[in-house]
Amino acid sequence: MDGTVGMGGHAGAILEQHSGARLLGLDRDEAAVSRAAQHLRRFGDRAAVRHDRFSNWLAACRAVGHERVDGLLLDLGVSSLQLDTSERGFSFRADAPLDMRMDRQGGLTAREFLEGLTPPEVAKVLRDYGEERLAWPIAKAICRERDAGRLSTTGDLAAICRRVYPRGPQRIDPATRTFQALRIAVNDELGELSRALDDVPRGLNVGGVVCVISFHSLEDRVVKQRFSAWQQAGQASLLKRKPVMADEAEVAANPRASSAKLRALLWGVRRQRSTERRSRHHRNEP
């Protein structure tokens, strides 16, 4: 199960490496579903793609006749397809409608979402989902410009953030954390992640693997805590103690991979190799 199939890159690699595998890919973005279906066409009936949220992965699996899967992959956050399509409103690099919906078939746009919030509520979103240190002054400025009818595009929002920040060089664009926070809130990304992980015990076969790629600390914290809890309960084992990060060559080829963290878990199996190695070492065994 590839719960965030995107344009089908990961799904295609999995099917190439495992010639007997069948894969179901989901994406809440209808544009991605179309691209992934075209990319995976060469695998015939071994691959299927559906328009759905990744939090519904187990229901989608059972709808096609399978109670459990051997692998679950979640590649979180916004996709390159979404970032590079300016009219989707995810990026502050171009002026576009303030949308940010991963699924444009329903839900509030970012502009509509902000319409219903008070300054304290906006500030809470920016703090909780963007870890923005200037959440309160940015929130006040957003609501002031919104009430004056001057907030409808990504350019409007980015300009507000930049005016609030003190002048001088900044490590990242002043709009970065605000855009992240609103995108997470509009798409309920952390809720989606938690609900998807809730179904792992019911939907993953013993010996199955769940892999999650996260791009910021909020996502990674959720995954790390859940994986740790399952390991401590004896339900699963970490395949790597620390997350796998992109190397220099990969970052050079794809700069967006620089913040990616891959965590992987083996379900229903307790790995004791490190303990056994330590015991042999103490007994001076080979």
C-alpha atoms as a PDB file:
ATOM      1  CA  MET A   1       0.000   0.000   0.000  1.00  0.00           C
ATOM      2  CA  ASP A   2       1.413   3.352  -1.086  1.00  0.00           C
ATOM      3  CA  GLY A   3      -0.846   5.757   0.765  1.00  0.00           C
ATOM      4  CA  THR A   4       0.650   8.857  -0.843  1.00  0.00           C
ATOM      5  CA  VAL A   5       1.348   7.670  -4.358  1.00  0.00           C
ATOM      6  CA  GLY A   6       2.068  11.119  -5.841  1.00  0.00           C
ATOM      7  CA  MET A   7       3.382  10.696  -9.367  1.00  0.00           C
ATOM      8  CA  GLY A   8       4.171   7.012  -8.770  1.00  0.00           C
ATOM      9  CA  GLY A   9       7.934   7.151  -8.258  1.00  0.00           C
ATOM     10  CA  HIS A  10       8.095   5.098  -5.067  1.00  0.00           C
ATOM     11  CA  ALA A  11       5.348   2.755  -6.252  1.00  0.00           C
ATOM     12  CA  GLY A  12       7.178   2.043  -9.501  1.00  0.00           C
ATOM     13  CA  ALA A  13      10.431   1.321  -7.662  1.00  0.00           C
ATOM     14  CA  ILE A  14       8.677  -1.094  -5.295  1.00  0.00           C
ATOM     15  CA  LEU A  15       7.053  -2.995  -8.154  1.00  0.00           C
ATOM     16  CA  GLU A  16      10.345  -3.180 -10.052  1.00  0.00           C
ATOM     17  CA  GLN A  17      12.179  -4.586  -7.030  1.00  0.00           C
ATOM     18  CA  HIS A  18       9.446  -7.115  -6.125  1.00  0.00           C
ATOM     19  CA  SER A  19       8.247  -8.885  -9.232  1.00  0.00           C
ATOM     20  CA  GLY A  20       5.470 -10.772  -7.432  1.00  0.00           C
ATOM     21  CA  ALA A  21       4.052  -7.781  -5.593  1.00  0.00           C
ATOM     22  CA  ARG A  22       0.696  -6.122  -6.139  1.00  0.00           C
ATOM     23  CA  LEU A  23       0.345  -2.502  -5.122  1.00  0.00           C
ATOM     24  CA  LEU A  24      -2.555  -0.180  -4.359  1.00  0.00           C
ATOM     25  CA  GLY A  25      -1.724   3.518  -4.470  1.00  0.00           C
ATOM     26  CA  LEU A  26      -3.843   6.278  -2.960  1.00  0.00           C
ATOM     27  CA  ASP A  27      -3.701  10.035  -3.221  1.00  0.00           C
ATOM     28  CA  ARG A  28      -6.111  12.748  -2.182  1.00  0.00           C
ATOM     29  CA  ASP A  29      -4.933  14.917  -5.082  1.00  0.00           C
ATOM     30  CA  GLU A  30      -6.867  14.088  -8.246  1.00  0.00           C
ATOM     31  CA  ALA A  31      -4.047  15.431 -10.437  1.00  0.00           C
ATOM     32  CA  ALA A  32      -1.580  13.040  -8.787  1.00  0.00           C
ATOM     33  CA  VAL A  33      -3.924  10.082  -9.262  1.00  0.00           C
ATOM     34  CA  SER A  34      -4.020  10.721 -12.998  1.00  0.00           C
ATOM     35  CA  ARG A  35      -0.235  11.064 -13.248  1.00  0.00           C
ATOM     36  CA  ALA A  36       0.453   7.983 -11.115  1.00  0.00           C
ATOM     37  CA  ALA A  37      -1.995   5.815 -13.059  1.00  0.00           C
ATOM     38  CA  GLN A  38      -0.230   6.727 -16.282  1.00  0.00           C
ATOM     39  CA  HIS A  39       3.224   6.116 -14.785  1.00  0.00           C
ATOM     40  CA  LEU A  40       2.255   2.688 -13.393  1.00  0.00           C
ATOM     41  CA  ARG A  41       0.359   1.492 -16.466  1.00  0.00           C
ATOM     42  CA  ARG A  42       3.316  -0.640 -17.530  1.00  0.00           C
ATOM     43  CA  PHE A  43       2.754  -2.935 -14.515  1.00  0.00           C
ATOM     44  CA  GLY A  44      -0.716  -3.943 -15.699  1.00  0.00           C
ATOM     45  CA  ASP A  45      -3.032  -5.369 -13.061  1.00  0.00           C
ATOM     46  CA  ARG A  46      -0.215  -5.479 -10.495  1.00  0.00           C
ATOM     47  CA  ALA A  47      -0.853  -1.776  -9.808  1.00  0.00           C
ATOM     48  CA  ALA A  48      -4.045   0.127  -9.049  1.00  0.00           C
ATOM     49  CA  VAL A  49      -4.504   3.771  -8.111  1.00  0.00           C
ATOM     50  CA  ARG A  50      -7.459   5.311  -6.265  1.00  0.00           C
ATOM     51  CA  HIS A  51      -8.477   8.842  -5.270  1.00  0.00           C
ATOM     52  CA  ASP A  52      -8.620   8.714  -1.473  1.00  0.00           C
ATOM     53  CA  ARG A  53      -7.016   9.999   1.722  1.00  0.00           C
ATOM     54  CA  PHE A  54      -4.163   7.937   3.122  1.00  0.00           C
ATOM     55  CA  SER A  55      -5.981   7.781   6.467  1.00  0.00           C
ATOM     56  CA  ASN A  56      -8.459   5.481   4.644  1.00  0.00           C
ATOM     57  CA  TRP A  57      -5.760   3.060   3.504  1.00  0.00           C
ATOM     58  CA  LEU A  58      -7.131   0.017   5.328  1.00  0.00           C
ATOM     59  CA  ALA A  59     -10.702   0.540   4.107  1.00  0.00           C
ATOM     60  CA  ALA A  60      -9.364   0.996   0.569  1.00  0.00           C
ATOM     61  CA  CYS A  61      -7.363  -2.211   0.910  1.00  0.00           C
ATOM     62  CA  ARG A  62     -10.383  -4.194   2.083  1.00  0.00           C
ATOM     63  CA  ALA A  63     -12.535  -2.709  -0.667  1.00  0.00           C
ATOM     64  CA  VAL A  64     -10.362  -4.537  -3.206  1.00  0.00           C
ATOM     65  CA  GLY A  65     -10.486  -7.821  -1.301  1.00  0.00           C
ATOM     66  CA  HIS A  66      -7.433  -7.751   0.984  1.00  0.00           C
ATOM     67  CA  GLU A  67      -7.678  -7.710   4.774  1.00  0.00           C
ATOM     68  CA  ARG A  68      -4.010  -6.884   5.371  1.00  0.00           C
ATOM     69  CA  VAL A  69      -0.906  -5.733   3.551  1.00  0.00           C
ATOM     70  CA  ASP A  70       2.777  -6.659   3.704  1.00  0.00           C
ATOM     71  CA  GLY A  71       3.967  -3.077   3.399  1.00  0.00           C
ATOM     72  CA  LEU A  72       2.685   0.440   4.008  1.00  0.00           C
ATOM     73  CA  LEU A  73       4.471   3.534   2.705  1.00  0.00           C
ATOM     74  CA  LEU A  74       3.540   7.116   3.639  1.00  0.00           C
ATOM     75  CA  ASP A  75       5.484   9.975   2.049  1.00  0.00           C
ATOM     76  CA  LEU A  76       4.119  12.940   3.976  1.00  0.00           C
ATOM     77  CA  GLY A  77       3.693  16.614   3.276  1.00  0.00           C
ATOM     78  CA  VAL A  78       3.247  18.563   0.070  1.00  0.00           C
ATOM     79  CA  SER A  79       4.402  17.038  -3.213  1.00  0.00           C
ATOM     80  CA  SER A  80       6.647  18.543  -5.867  1.00  0.00           C
ATOM     81  CA  LEU A  81       3.682  18.446  -8.237  1.00  0.00           C
ATOM     82  CA  GLN A  82       1.701  20.642  -5.847  1.00  0.00           C
ATOM     83  CA  LEU A  83       4.575  23.016  -5.089  1.00  0.00           C
ATOM     84  CA  ASP A  84       5.449  23.469  -8.731  1.00  0.00           C
ATOM     85  CA  THR A  85       1.859  24.199  -9.793  1.00  0.00           C
ATOM     86  CA  SER A  86       1.610  27.829  -8.729  1.00  0.00           C
ATOM     87  CA  GLU A  87      -2.176  28.081  -8.965  1.00  0.00           C
ATOM     88  CA  ARG A  88      -2.513  25.501  -6.187  1.00  0.00           C
ATOM     89  CA  GLY A  89      -1.373  28.161  -3.712  1.00  0.00           C
ATOM     90  CA  PHE A  90       1.183  26.107  -1.778  1.00  0.00           C
ATOM     91  CA  SER A  91       4.206  28.254  -2.605  1.00  0.00           C
ATOM     92  CA  PHE A  92       5.030  31.880  -1.873  1.00  0.00           C
ATOM     93  CA  ARG A  93       7.400  31.990  -4.849  1.00  0.00           C
ATOM     94  CA  ALA A  94       4.587  33.076  -7.186  1.00  0.00           C
ATOM     95  CA  ASP A  95       1.403  35.071  -6.678  1.00  0.00           C
ATOM     96  CA  ALA A  96      -1.645  32.800  -6.883  1.00  0.00           C
ATOM     97  CA  PRO A  97      -5.020  32.221  -5.195  1.00  0.00           C
ATOM     98  CA  LEU A  98      -4.639  31.311  -1.518  1.00  0.00           C
ATOM     99  CA  ASP A  99      -5.893  27.736  -1.844  1.00  0.00           C
ATOM    100  CA  MET A 100      -3.515  25.085  -0.360  1.00  0.00           C
ATOM    101  CA  ARG A 101      -6.030  22.214  -0.568  1.00  0.00           C
ATOM    102  CA  MET A 102      -4.478  18.875  -1.442  1.00  0.00           C
ATOM    103  CA  ASP A 103      -7.931  17.712  -2.540  1.00  0.00           C
ATOM    104  CA  ARG A 104      -9.606  20.443  -4.556  1.00  0.00           C
ATOM    105  CA  GLN A 105     -12.891  18.539  -4.677  1.00  0.00           C
ATOM    106  CA  GLY A 106     -13.909  19.743  -1.228  1.00  0.00           C
ATOM    107  CA  GLY A 107     -12.998  21.541   1.968  1.00  0.00           C
ATOM    108  CA  LEU A 108     -12.058  25.121   2.748  1.00  0.00           C
ATOM    109  CA  THR A 109      -9.323  26.969   0.928  1.00  0.00           C
ATOM    110  CA  ALA A 110      -6.672  28.661   3.057  1.00  0.00           C
ATOM    111  CA  ARG A 111      -8.341  32.015   2.437  1.00  0.00           C
ATOM    112  CA  GLU A 112     -11.736  30.642   3.536  1.00  0.00           C
ATOM    113  CA  PHE A 113     -10.130  28.956   6.540  1.00  0.00           C
ATOM    114  CA  LEU A 114      -8.630  32.260   7.692  1.00  0.00           C
ATOM    115  CA  GLU A 115     -11.954  34.072   7.249  1.00  0.00           C
ATOM    116  CA  GLY A 116     -13.439  32.271  10.233  1.00  0.00           C
ATOM    117  CA  LEU A 117     -10.605  32.763  12.739  1.00  0.00           C
ATOM    118  CA  THR A 118      -9.888  35.399  15.372  1.00  0.00           C
ATOM    119  CA  PRO A 119      -6.321  36.721  15.875  1.00  0.00           C
ATOM    120  CA  PRO A 120      -5.690  34.396  18.865  1.00  0.00           C
ATOM    121  CA  GLU A 121      -6.912  31.427  16.834  1.00  0.00           C
ATOM    122  CA  VAL A 122      -4.659  32.326  13.897  1.00  0.00           C
ATOM    123  CA  ALA A 123      -1.731  32.730  16.287  1.00  0.00           C
ATOM    124  CA  LYS A 124      -2.382  29.277  17.754  1.00  0.00           C
ATOM    125  CA  VAL A 125      -2.327  27.710  14.274  1.00  0.00           C
ATOM    126  CA  LEU A 126       0.977  29.433  13.485  1.00  0.00           C
ATOM    127  CA  ARG A 127       2.535  28.352  16.796  1.00  0.00           C
ATOM    128  CA  ASP A 128       1.226  24.786  16.836  1.00  0.00           C
ATOM    129  CA  TYR A 129       1.788  23.880  13.185  1.00  0.00           C
ATOM    130  CA  GLY A 130       4.531  26.257  12.099  1.00  0.00           C
ATOM    131  CA  GLU A 131       6.462  26.758  15.341  1.00  0.00           C
ATOM    132  CA  GLU A 132       6.474  30.427  14.336  1.00  0.00           C
ATOM    133  CA  ARG A 133       8.145  32.632  16.986  1.00  0.00           C
ATOM    134  CA  LEU A 134       6.346  35.746  15.703  1.00  0.00           C
ATOM    135  CA  ALA A 135       2.952  34.038  15.624  1.00  0.00           C
ATOM    136  CA  TRP A 136       1.078  36.790  17.484  1.00  0.00           C
ATOM    137  CA  PRO A 137       2.211  39.823  15.451  1.00  0.00           C
ATOM    138  CA  ILE A 138       1.792  37.901  12.180  1.00  0.00           C
ATOM    139  CA  ALA A 139      -1.694  36.775  13.232  1.00  0.00           C
ATOM    140  CA  LYS A 140      -2.737  40.328  14.056  1.00  0.00           C
ATOM    141  CA  ALA A 141      -1.409  41.569  10.719  1.00  0.00           C
ATOM    142  CA  ILE A 142      -3.181  38.766   8.825  1.00  0.00           C
ATOM    143  CA  CYS A 143      -6.531  39.564  10.431  1.00  0.00           C
ATOM    144  CA  ARG A 144      -6.090  43.301   9.896  1.00  0.00           C
ATOM    145  CA  GLU A 145      -5.340  42.873   6.186  1.00  0.00           C
ATOM    146  CA  ARG A 146      -8.099  40.276   5.818  1.00  0.00           C
ATOM    147  CA  ASP A 147     -10.700  42.596   7.361  1.00  0.00           C
ATOM    148  CA  ALA A 148      -9.555  45.370   5.016  1.00  0.00           C
ATOM    149  CA  GLY A 149     -10.040  43.099   2.005  1.00  0.00           C
ATOM    150  CA  ARG A 150      -6.333  42.840   1.233  1.00  0.00           C
ATOM    151  CA  LEU A 151      -5.791  39.103   1.692  1.00  0.00           C
ATOM    152  CA  SER A 152      -6.663  36.820  -1.204  1.00  0.00           C
ATOM    153  CA  THR A 153      -3.408  35.558  -2.734  1.00  0.00           C
ATOM    154  CA  THR A 154      -0.182  33.866  -1.730  1.00  0.00           C
ATOM    155  CA  GLY A 155       1.627  37.092  -2.534  1.00  0.00           C
ATOM    156  CA  ASP A 156      -0.589  39.019  -0.088  1.00  0.00           C
ATOM    157  CA  LEU A 157       0.136  36.541   2.706  1.00  0.00           C
ATOM    158  CA  ALA A 158       3.872  36.402   2.025  1.00  0.00           C
ATOM    159  CA  ALA A 159       4.088  40.204   2.034  1.00  0.00           C
ATOM    160  CA  ILE A 160       2.359  40.359   5.426  1.00  0.00           C
ATOM    161  CA  CYS A 161       4.887  37.941   6.950  1.00  0.00           C
ATOM    162  CA  ARG A 162       7.841  39.805   5.472  1.00  0.00           C
ATOM    163  CA  ARG A 163       6.628  43.153   6.790  1.00  0.00           C
ATOM    164  CA  VAL A 164       6.319  41.776  10.337  1.00  0.00           C
ATOM    165  CA  TYR A 165       9.827  40.296  10.444  1.00  0.00           C
ATOM    166  CA  PRO A 166      12.680  42.669  11.283  1.00  0.00           C
ATOM    167  CA  ARG A 167      14.705  43.873   8.334  1.00  0.00           C
ATOM    168  CA  GLY A 168      17.956  42.159   7.535  1.00  0.00           C
ATOM    169  CA  PRO A 169      19.028  38.736   6.304  1.00  0.00           C
ATOM    170  CA  GLN A 170      16.924  35.754   7.430  1.00  0.00           C
ATOM    171  CA  ARG A 171      17.930  32.083   7.401  1.00  0.00           C
ATOM    172  CA  ILE A 172      14.662  31.198   5.654  1.00  0.00           C
ATOM    173  CA  ASP A 173      11.972  33.311   4.024  1.00  0.00           C
ATOM    174  CA  PRO A 174       9.771  34.911   6.739  1.00  0.00           C
ATOM    175  CA  ALA A 175       6.693  33.371   5.090  1.00  0.00           C
ATOM    176  CA  THR A 176       7.945  29.767   5.328  1.00  0.00           C
ATOM    177  CA  ARG A 177       6.528  28.780   8.714  1.00  0.00           C
ATOM    178  CA  THR A 178       3.215  30.560   8.175  1.00  0.00           C
ATOM    179  CA  PHE A 179       2.654  28.771   4.858  1.00  0.00           C
ATOM    180  CA  GLN A 180       3.553  25.436   6.466  1.00  0.00           C
ATOM    181  CA  ALA A 181       1.173  26.021   9.373  1.00  0.00           C
ATOM    182  CA  LEU A 182      -1.786  26.969   7.193  1.00  0.00           C
ATOM    183  CA  ARG A 183      -1.191  24.061   4.811  1.00  0.00           C
ATOM    184  CA  ILE A 184      -1.122  21.586   7.696  1.00  0.00           C
ATOM    185  CA  ALA A 185      -4.269  23.059   9.223  1.00  0.00           C
ATOM    186  CA  VAL A 186      -6.226  23.273   5.960  1.00  0.00           C
ATOM    187  CA  ASN A 187      -5.472  19.629   5.118  1.00  0.00           C
ATOM    188  CA  ASP A 188      -5.562  18.273   8.707  1.00  0.00           C
ATOM    189  CA  GLU A 189      -2.225  16.625   7.986  1.00  0.00           C
ATOM    190  CA  LEU A 190      -1.354  15.585  11.542  1.00  0.00           C
ATOM    191  CA  GLY A 191      -4.838  14.171  12.068  1.00  0.00           C
ATOM    192  CA  GLU A 192      -4.525  12.218   8.823  1.00  0.00           C
ATOM    193  CA  LEU A 193      -1.198  10.796   9.981  1.00  0.00           C
ATOM    194  CA  SER A 194      -2.516   9.739  13.387  1.00  0.00           C
ATOM    195  CA  ARG A 195      -5.567   8.047  11.868  1.00  0.00           C
ATOM    196  CA  ALA A 196      -3.419   6.223   9.317  1.00  0.00           C
ATOM    197  CA  LEU A 197      -1.121   4.886  12.043  1.00  0.00           C
ATOM    198  CA  ASP A 198      -4.129   3.813  14.127  1.00  0.00           C
ATOM    199  CA  ASP A 199      -4.889   1.130  11.528  1.00  0.00           C
ATOM    200  CA  VAL A 200      -1.394  -0.383  11.401  1.00  0.00           C
ATOM    201  CA  PRO A 201      -2.121  -3.052  14.080  1.00  0.00           C
ATOM    202  CA  ARG A 202      -5.262  -4.137  12.214  1.00  0.00           C
ATOM    203  CA  GLY A 203      -3.946  -3.902   8.693  1.00  0.00           C
ATOM    204  CA  LEU A 204      -0.298  -4.989   8.595  1.00  0.00           C
ATOM    205  CA  ASN A 205       0.698  -8.643   8.335  1.00  0.00           C
ATOM    206  CA  VAL A 206       3.180 -10.105  10.809  1.00  0.00           C
ATOM    207  CA  GLY A 207       6.587  -9.450   9.295  1.00  0.00           C
ATOM    208  CA  GLY A 208       5.196  -6.537   7.325  1.00  0.00           C
ATOM    209  CA  VAL A 209       6.967  -3.187   7.129  1.00  0.00           C
ATOM    210  CA  VAL A 210       5.644   0.332   7.578  1.00  0.00           C
ATOM    211  CA  CYS A 211       7.797   3.188   6.248  1.00  0.00           C
ATOM    212  CA  VAL A 212       7.064   6.864   6.840  1.00  0.00           C
ATOM    213  CA  ILE A 213       8.941   9.768   5.259  1.00  0.00           C
ATOM    214  CA  SER A 214       8.458  13.052   7.114  1.00  0.00           C
ATOM    215  CA  PHE A 215       9.701  16.537   6.319  1.00  0.00           C
ATOM    216  CA  HIS A 216       9.352  18.510   9.552  1.00  0.00           C
ATOM    217  CA  SER A 217       9.629  17.910  13.281  1.00  0.00           C
ATOM    218  CA  LEU A 218       5.879  17.815  13.958  1.00  0.00           C
ATOM    219  CA  GLU A 219       5.316  14.854  11.634  1.00  0.00           C
ATOM    220  CA  ASP A 220       8.494  13.091  12.693  1.00  0.00           C
ATOM    221  CA  ARG A 221       7.577  13.426  16.373  1.00  0.00           C
ATOM    222  CA  VAL A 222       4.240  11.686  15.812  1.00  0.00           C
ATOM    223  CA  VAL A 223       5.905   8.829  13.923  1.00  0.00           C
ATOM    224  CA  LYS A 224       8.803   8.461  16.369  1.00  0.00           C
ATOM    225  CA  GLN A 225       6.517   8.335  19.398  1.00  0.00           C
ATOM    226  CA  ARG A 226       4.132   5.828  17.839  1.00  0.00           C
ATOM    227  CA  PHE A 227       6.936   3.561  16.625  1.00  0.00           C
ATOM    228  CA  SER A 228       8.607   3.718  20.042  1.00  0.00           C
ATOM    229  CA  ALA A 229       5.376   2.822  21.818  1.00  0.00           C
ATOM    230  CA  TRP A 230       4.835  -0.214  19.587  1.00  0.00           C
ATOM    231  CA  GLN A 231       8.398  -1.367  20.136  1.00  0.00           C
ATOM    232  CA  GLN A 232       8.173  -0.987  23.904  1.00  0.00           C
ATOM    233  CA  ALA A 233       4.903  -2.937  23.894  1.00  0.00           C
ATOM    234  CA  GLY A 234       6.620  -5.788  22.046  1.00  0.00           C
ATOM    235  CA  GLN A 235       4.398  -5.370  18.992  1.00  0.00           C
ATOM    236  CA  ALA A 236       7.107  -4.350  16.547  1.00  0.00           C
ATOM    237  CA  SER A 237      10.778  -3.585  16.044  1.00  0.00           C
ATOM    238  CA  LEU A 238      12.582  -0.630  14.529  1.00  0.00           C
ATOM    239  CA  LEU A 239      14.480  -1.527  11.362  1.00  0.00           C
ATOM    240  CA  LYS A 240      16.800   1.420  12.004  1.00  0.00           C
ATOM    241  CA  ARG A 241      17.386   3.021  15.394  1.00  0.00           C
ATOM    242  CA  LYS A 242      17.785   6.437  13.780  1.00  0.00           C
ATOM    243  CA  PRO A 243      15.962   7.832  10.758  1.00  0.00           C
ATOM    244  CA  VAL A 244      17.523   7.432   7.328  1.00  0.00           C
ATOM    245  CA  MET A 245      18.485  10.781   5.769  1.00  0.00           C
ATOM    246  CA  ALA A 246      19.345  11.726   2.215  1.00  0.00           C
ATOM    247  CA  ASP A 247      23.072  11.723   1.440  1.00  0.00           C
ATOM    248  CA  GLU A 248      24.920  14.585  -0.237  1.00  0.00           C
ATOM    249  CA  ALA A 249      24.451  13.156  -3.720  1.00  0.00           C
ATOM    250  CA  GLU A 250      20.685  12.839  -3.298  1.00  0.00           C
ATOM    251  CA  VAL A 251      20.359  16.341  -1.850  1.00  0.00           C
ATOM    252  CA  ALA A 252      22.404  17.702  -4.749  1.00  0.00           C
ATOM    253  CA  ALA A 253      20.035  15.997  -7.204  1.00  0.00           C
ATOM    254  CA  ASN A 254      16.893  16.871  -5.221  1.00  0.00           C
ATOM    255  CA  PRO A 255      17.317  19.720  -2.688  1.00  0.00           C
ATOM    256  CA  ARG A 256      13.824  19.090  -1.306  1.00  0.00           C
ATOM    257  CA  ALA A 257      15.118  15.810   0.145  1.00  0.00           C
ATOM    258  CA  SER A 258      17.396  17.672   2.559  1.00  0.00           C
ATOM    259  CA  SER A 259      14.848  17.664   5.399  1.00  0.00           C
ATOM    260  CA  ALA A 260      13.406  14.188   4.726  1.00  0.00           C
ATOM    261  CA  LYS A 261      13.532  11.534   7.455  1.00  0.00           C
ATOM    262  CA  LEU A 262      12.622   7.924   6.755  1.00  0.00           C
ATOM    263  CA  ARG A 263      11.596   5.734   9.697  1.00  0.00           C
ATOM    264  CA  ALA A 264      10.848   2.041   9.188  1.00  0.00           C
ATOM    265  CA  LEU A 265       9.222  -0.543  11.446  1.00  0.00           C
ATOM    266  CA  LEU A 266       8.926  -4.339  11.284  1.00  0.00           C
ATOM    267  CA  TRP A 267       5.498  -5.367  12.547  1.00  0.00           C
ATOM    268  CA  GLY A 268       4.830  -8.296  14.876  1.00  0.00           C
ATOM    269  CA  VAL A 269       8.505  -9.294  15.224  1.00  0.00           C
ATOM    270  CA  ARG A 270      10.824  -8.541  18.127  1.00  0.00           C
ATOM    271  CA  ARG A 271      14.383  -8.174  16.931  1.00  0.00           C
ATOM    272  CA  GLN A 272      16.962  -9.226  19.533  1.00  0.00           C
ATOM    273  CA  ARG A 273      20.105  -9.226  17.452  1.00  0.00           C
ATOM    274  CA  SER A 274      21.786  -6.369  19.291  1.00  0.00           C
ATOM    275  CA  THR A 275      21.089  -8.021  22.652  1.00  0.00           C
ATOM    276  CA  GLU A 276      22.419 -11.353  21.402  1.00  0.00           C
ATOM    277  CA  ARG A 277      25.564  -9.703  20.023  1.00  0.00           C
ATOM    278  CA  ARG A 278      26.220  -8.019  23.363  1.00  0.00           C
ATOM    279  CA  SER A 279      25.751 -11.353  25.204  1.00  0.00           C
ATOM    280  CA  ARG A 280      28.199 -13.141  22.892  1.00  0.00           C
ATOM    281  CA  HIS A 281      30.696 -10.326  23.327  1.00  0.00           C
ATOM    282  CA  HIS A 282      30.568 -10.619  27.132  1.00  0.00           C
ATOM    283  CA  ARG A 283      31.068 -14.421  26.843  1.00  0.00           C
ATOM    284  CA  ASN A 284      33.929 -13.917  24.342  1.00  0.00           C
ATOM    285  CA  GLU A 285      32.035 -15.940  21.743  1.00  0.00           C
ATOM    286  CA  PRO A 286      32.496 -15.351  17.987  1.00  0.00           C
END
